[in-house]
C-alpha atoms as a PDB file:
ATOM      1  CA  MET A   1      13.147 -12.098  10.236  1.00  0.00           C
ATOM      2  CA  LYS A   2      11.547 -14.824   8.803  1.00  0.00           C
ATOM      3  CA  PHE A   3       7.877 -15.925   9.609  1.00  0.00           C
ATOM      4  CA  ASP A   4       6.125 -19.071   8.390  1.00  0.00           C
ATOM      5  CA  PRO A   5       2.494 -17.852   7.374  1.00  0.00           C
ATOM      6  CA  GLY A   6       1.636 -21.679   7.166  1.00  0.00           C
ATOM      7  CA  GLN A   7       1.828 -22.434  10.816  1.00  0.00           C
ATOM      8  CA  PRO A   8      -1.067 -23.709  12.309  1.00  0.00           C
ATOM      9  CA  ILE A   9      -3.334 -22.120  15.226  1.00  0.00           C
ATOM     10  CA  TYR A  10      -3.612 -24.404  18.142  1.00  0.00           C
ATOM     11  CA  ALA A  11      -6.500 -25.316  20.422  1.00  0.00           C
ATOM     12  CA  LEU A  12      -5.486 -25.664  24.354  1.00  0.00           C
ATOM     13  CA  THR A  13      -5.235 -29.321  23.798  1.00  0.00           C
ATOM     14  CA  ARG A  14      -2.310 -28.694  21.532  1.00  0.00           C
ATOM     15  CA  GLU A  15      -4.441 -29.634  18.508  1.00  0.00           C
ATOM     16  CA  THR A  16      -4.768 -27.909  15.321  1.00  0.00           C
ATOM     17  CA  MET A  17      -7.793 -25.595  15.035  1.00  0.00           C
ATOM     18  CA  ASP A  18      -9.314 -26.709  11.867  1.00  0.00           C
ATOM     19  CA  ASP A  19     -11.712 -24.638   9.540  1.00  0.00           C
ATOM     20  CA  GLN A  20     -15.109 -25.921   8.535  1.00  0.00           C
ATOM     21  CA  SER A  21     -13.704 -28.411   5.671  1.00  0.00           C
ATOM     22  CA  GLY A  22     -11.077 -29.794   8.161  1.00  0.00           C
ATOM     23  CA  LYS A  23      -8.190 -27.922   7.142  1.00  0.00           C
ATOM     24  CA  PRO A  24      -5.830 -26.468   9.730  1.00  0.00           C
ATOM     25  CA  ILE A  25      -6.179 -22.418  10.185  1.00  0.00           C
ATOM     26  CA  LYS A  26      -2.961 -21.061   9.284  1.00  0.00           C
ATOM     27  CA  MET A  27      -1.671 -17.999  10.968  1.00  0.00           C
ATOM     28  CA  GLY A  28      -1.080 -16.536   7.621  1.00  0.00           C
ATOM     29  CA  ASP A  29      -4.739 -16.832   6.583  1.00  0.00           C
ATOM     30  CA  ILE A  30      -5.804 -15.124   9.901  1.00  0.00           C
ATOM     31  CA  ILE A  31      -3.239 -12.263   9.406  1.00  0.00           C
ATOM     32  CA  CYS A  32      -4.397 -11.781   5.788  1.00  0.00           C
ATOM     33  CA  GLN A  33      -7.928 -11.227   6.442  1.00  0.00           C
ATOM     34  CA  HIS A  34      -7.534  -8.715   9.308  1.00  0.00           C
ATOM     35  CA  ILE A  35      -4.726  -6.539   7.720  1.00  0.00           C
ATOM     36  CA  SER A  36      -7.068  -5.765   5.001  1.00  0.00           C
ATOM     37  CA  VAL A  37      -8.202  -2.429   5.676  1.00  0.00           C
ATOM     38  CA  LEU A  38     -11.243  -2.882   8.179  1.00  0.00           C
ATOM     39  CA  PRO A  39     -14.710  -0.784   7.843  1.00  0.00           C
ATOM     40  CA  THR A  40     -13.318   1.264  11.207  1.00  0.00           C
ATOM     41  CA  ASP A  41     -10.162   2.087   9.082  1.00  0.00           C
ATOM     42  CA  ALA A  42     -11.677   4.521   6.988  1.00  0.00           C
ATOM     43  CA  ASN A  43      -8.783   6.883   7.525  1.00  0.00           C
ATOM     44  CA  VAL A  44      -5.894   4.656   6.518  1.00  0.00           C
ATOM     45  CA  PRO A  45      -3.508   6.409   4.233  1.00  0.00           C
ATOM     46  CA  GLY A  46      -3.342   5.025   0.472  1.00  0.00           C
ATOM     47  CA  SER A  47       0.218   4.001   1.238  1.00  0.00           C
ATOM     48  CA  GLU A  48      -0.699   1.613   4.084  1.00  0.00           C
ATOM     49  CA  LYS A  49      -3.353   0.224   2.231  1.00  0.00           C
ATOM     50  CA  LYS A  50      -1.237  -0.609  -0.381  1.00  0.00           C
ATOM     51  CA  LYS A  51       0.838  -2.057   2.016  1.00  0.00           C
ATOM     52  CA  ARG A  52      -1.390  -3.970   3.910  1.00  0.00           C
ATOM     53  CA  PHE A  53      -2.080  -5.779   0.398  1.00  0.00           C
ATOM     54  CA  MET A  54       1.151  -6.082  -0.799  1.00  0.00           C
ATOM     55  CA  LEU A  55       1.683  -8.059   2.461  1.00  0.00           C
ATOM     56  CA  SER A  56      -1.466 -10.272   2.600  1.00  0.00           C
ATOM     57  CA  VAL A  57      -0.412 -11.410  -0.934  1.00  0.00           C
ATOM     58  CA  LYS A  58       2.851 -12.187  -0.021  1.00  0.00           C
ATOM     59  CA  MET A  59       1.796 -14.296   2.832  1.00  0.00           C
ATOM     60  CA  TYR A  60      -1.182 -16.196   0.839  1.00  0.00           C
ATOM     61  CA  GLN A  61       1.141 -17.005  -1.792  1.00  0.00           C
ATOM     62  CA  ALA A  62       4.140 -18.259   0.505  1.00  0.00           C
ATOM     63  CA  GLU A  63       4.836 -21.860   0.374  1.00  0.00           C
ATOM     64  CA  GLU A  64       7.428 -21.131   2.561  1.00  0.00           C
ATOM     65  CA  PRO A  65       8.510 -18.884   5.320  1.00  0.00           C
ATOM     66  CA  ILE A  66       8.918 -15.324   4.203  1.00  0.00           C
ATOM     67  CA  GLU A  67      11.289 -12.327   5.170  1.00  0.00           C
ATOM     68  CA  ILE A  68       9.117  -9.391   6.879  1.00  0.00           C
ATOM     69  CA  ASP A  69      10.679  -6.322   8.900  1.00  0.00           C
ATOM     70  CA  GLU A  70      10.096  -4.595  12.013  1.00  0.00           C
ATOM     71  CA  ALA A  71       7.488  -2.101  10.183  1.00  0.00           C
ATOM     72  CA  ASP A  72       5.473  -5.693   9.055  1.00  0.00           C
ATOM     73  CA  VAL A  73       5.486  -6.853  12.471  1.00  0.00           C
ATOM     74  CA  SER A  74       4.331  -3.323  13.810  1.00  0.00           C
ATOM     75  CA  LEU A  75       1.539  -3.180  11.394  1.00  0.00           C
ATOM     76  CA  ILE A  76       0.408  -6.796  12.166  1.00  0.00           C
ATOM     77  CA  ASN A  77       0.266  -6.211  15.519  1.00  0.00           C
ATOM     78  CA  GLY A  78      -1.449  -3.025  15.587  1.00  0.00           C
ATOM     79  CA  VAL A  79      -4.166  -4.677  13.343  1.00  0.00           C
ATOM     80  CA  ILE A  80      -4.231  -7.923  15.760  1.00  0.00           C
ATOM     81  CA  ASP A  81      -4.695  -5.576  18.458  1.00  0.00           C
ATOM     82  CA  LYS A  82      -7.820  -3.739  17.140  1.00  0.00           C
ATOM     83  CA  THR A  83      -9.823  -7.042  16.005  1.00  0.00           C
ATOM     84  CA  GLY A  84     -11.819  -9.121  18.227  1.00  0.00           C
ATOM     85  CA  LEU A  85     -10.130 -12.257  17.864  1.00  0.00           C
ATOM     86  CA  PRO A  86     -10.082 -14.162  21.242  1.00  0.00           C
ATOM     87  CA  PRO A  87      -6.423 -14.185  22.895  1.00  0.00           C
ATOM     88  CA  LEU A  88      -6.139 -17.715  22.245  1.00  0.00           C
ATOM     89  CA  VAL A  89      -5.682 -16.951  18.325  1.00  0.00           C
ATOM     90  CA  SER A  90      -4.128 -13.459  18.659  1.00  0.00           C
ATOM     91  CA  GLU A  91      -1.500 -14.332  21.234  1.00  0.00           C
ATOM     92  CA  GLN A  92      -0.099 -17.507  19.248  1.00  0.00           C
ATOM     93  CA  ILE A  93       0.576 -15.031  16.483  1.00  0.00           C
ATOM     94  CA  LYS A  94       2.032 -11.956  18.362  1.00  0.00           C
ATOM     95  CA  MET A  95       4.264 -14.509  20.210  1.00  0.00           C
ATOM     96  CA  VAL A  96       5.642 -15.876  16.938  1.00  0.00           C
ATOM     97  CA  LEU A  97       6.009 -12.625  15.571  1.00  0.00           C
ATOM     98  CA  GLU A  98       7.821 -11.431  18.788  1.00  0.00           C
ATOM     99  CA  GLY A  99      10.437 -14.463  17.925  1.00  0.00           C
ATOM    100  CA  LYS A 100       9.087 -16.993  20.645  1.00  0.00           C
ATOM    101  CA  ALA A 101       7.779 -20.450  19.812  1.00  0.00           C
ATOM    102  CA  ASN A 102       4.044 -21.123  20.327  1.00  0.00           C
ATOM    103  CA  PRO A 103       3.615 -22.574  23.442  1.00  0.00           C
ATOM    104  CA  LEU A 104       0.628 -24.356  22.108  1.00  0.00           C
ATOM    105  CA  ALA A 105       2.425 -26.567  19.549  1.00  0.00           C
ATOM    106  CA  PRO A 106       2.907 -29.992  20.280  1.00  0.00           C
ATOM    107  CA  LYS A 107       6.645 -30.841  21.269  1.00  0.00           C
ATOM    108  CA  GLN A 108       7.868 -32.130  17.706  1.00  0.00           C
ATOM    109  CA  ASP A 109       6.322 -29.251  16.166  1.00  0.00           C
ATOM    110  CA  LEU A 110       7.755 -26.412  18.016  1.00  0.00           C
ATOM    111  CA  LYS A 111       9.993 -24.327  15.991  1.00  0.00           C
ATOM    112  CA  LEU A 112      11.360 -20.655  16.504  1.00  0.00           C
ATOM    113  CA  VAL A 113      10.993 -19.463  12.767  1.00  0.00           C
ATOM    114  CA  ALA A 114      11.962 -15.578  13.898  1.00  0.00           C
ATOM    115  CA  GLY A 115      15.588 -15.109  13.319  1.00  0.00           C
ATOM    116  CA  GLU A 116      16.781 -18.422  11.785  1.00  0.00           C
END
C-alpha cells in the first residue's frame, strides 16, 4: 500500500500541529522517532532492529508516498501502541495506516493515500 510520510498531524481545530520552529509535524517524523529501538525493547532481535532502521530511513528520505507492506504496518502499529503518544496523534497515524482518511484533515486536504 502507499503511505505518505509527509502528511501532517492535525489538532482538533483542523490546523496543523507545528513543531517549535513553526513547521508542521509530519506523520513520518513521528513514526521514525518511535520505531527506533526504545530502551524498553532491549530484547528486540537484530533482524527487527535492521528492519526498523531501514524503514525509518525510507520514510525520512521520502519526498512522495512510499510503498509499505502489511508487515511494516503491523510493526509501526505495534510500536505506536507501546509509546506514550496521545491518542490525538497516535490514532491519526493508525487510521491512515488502516487506509482511512484522516478525519481531522481540512476538507481540501482529505486524502486516502493507502491503496491508491
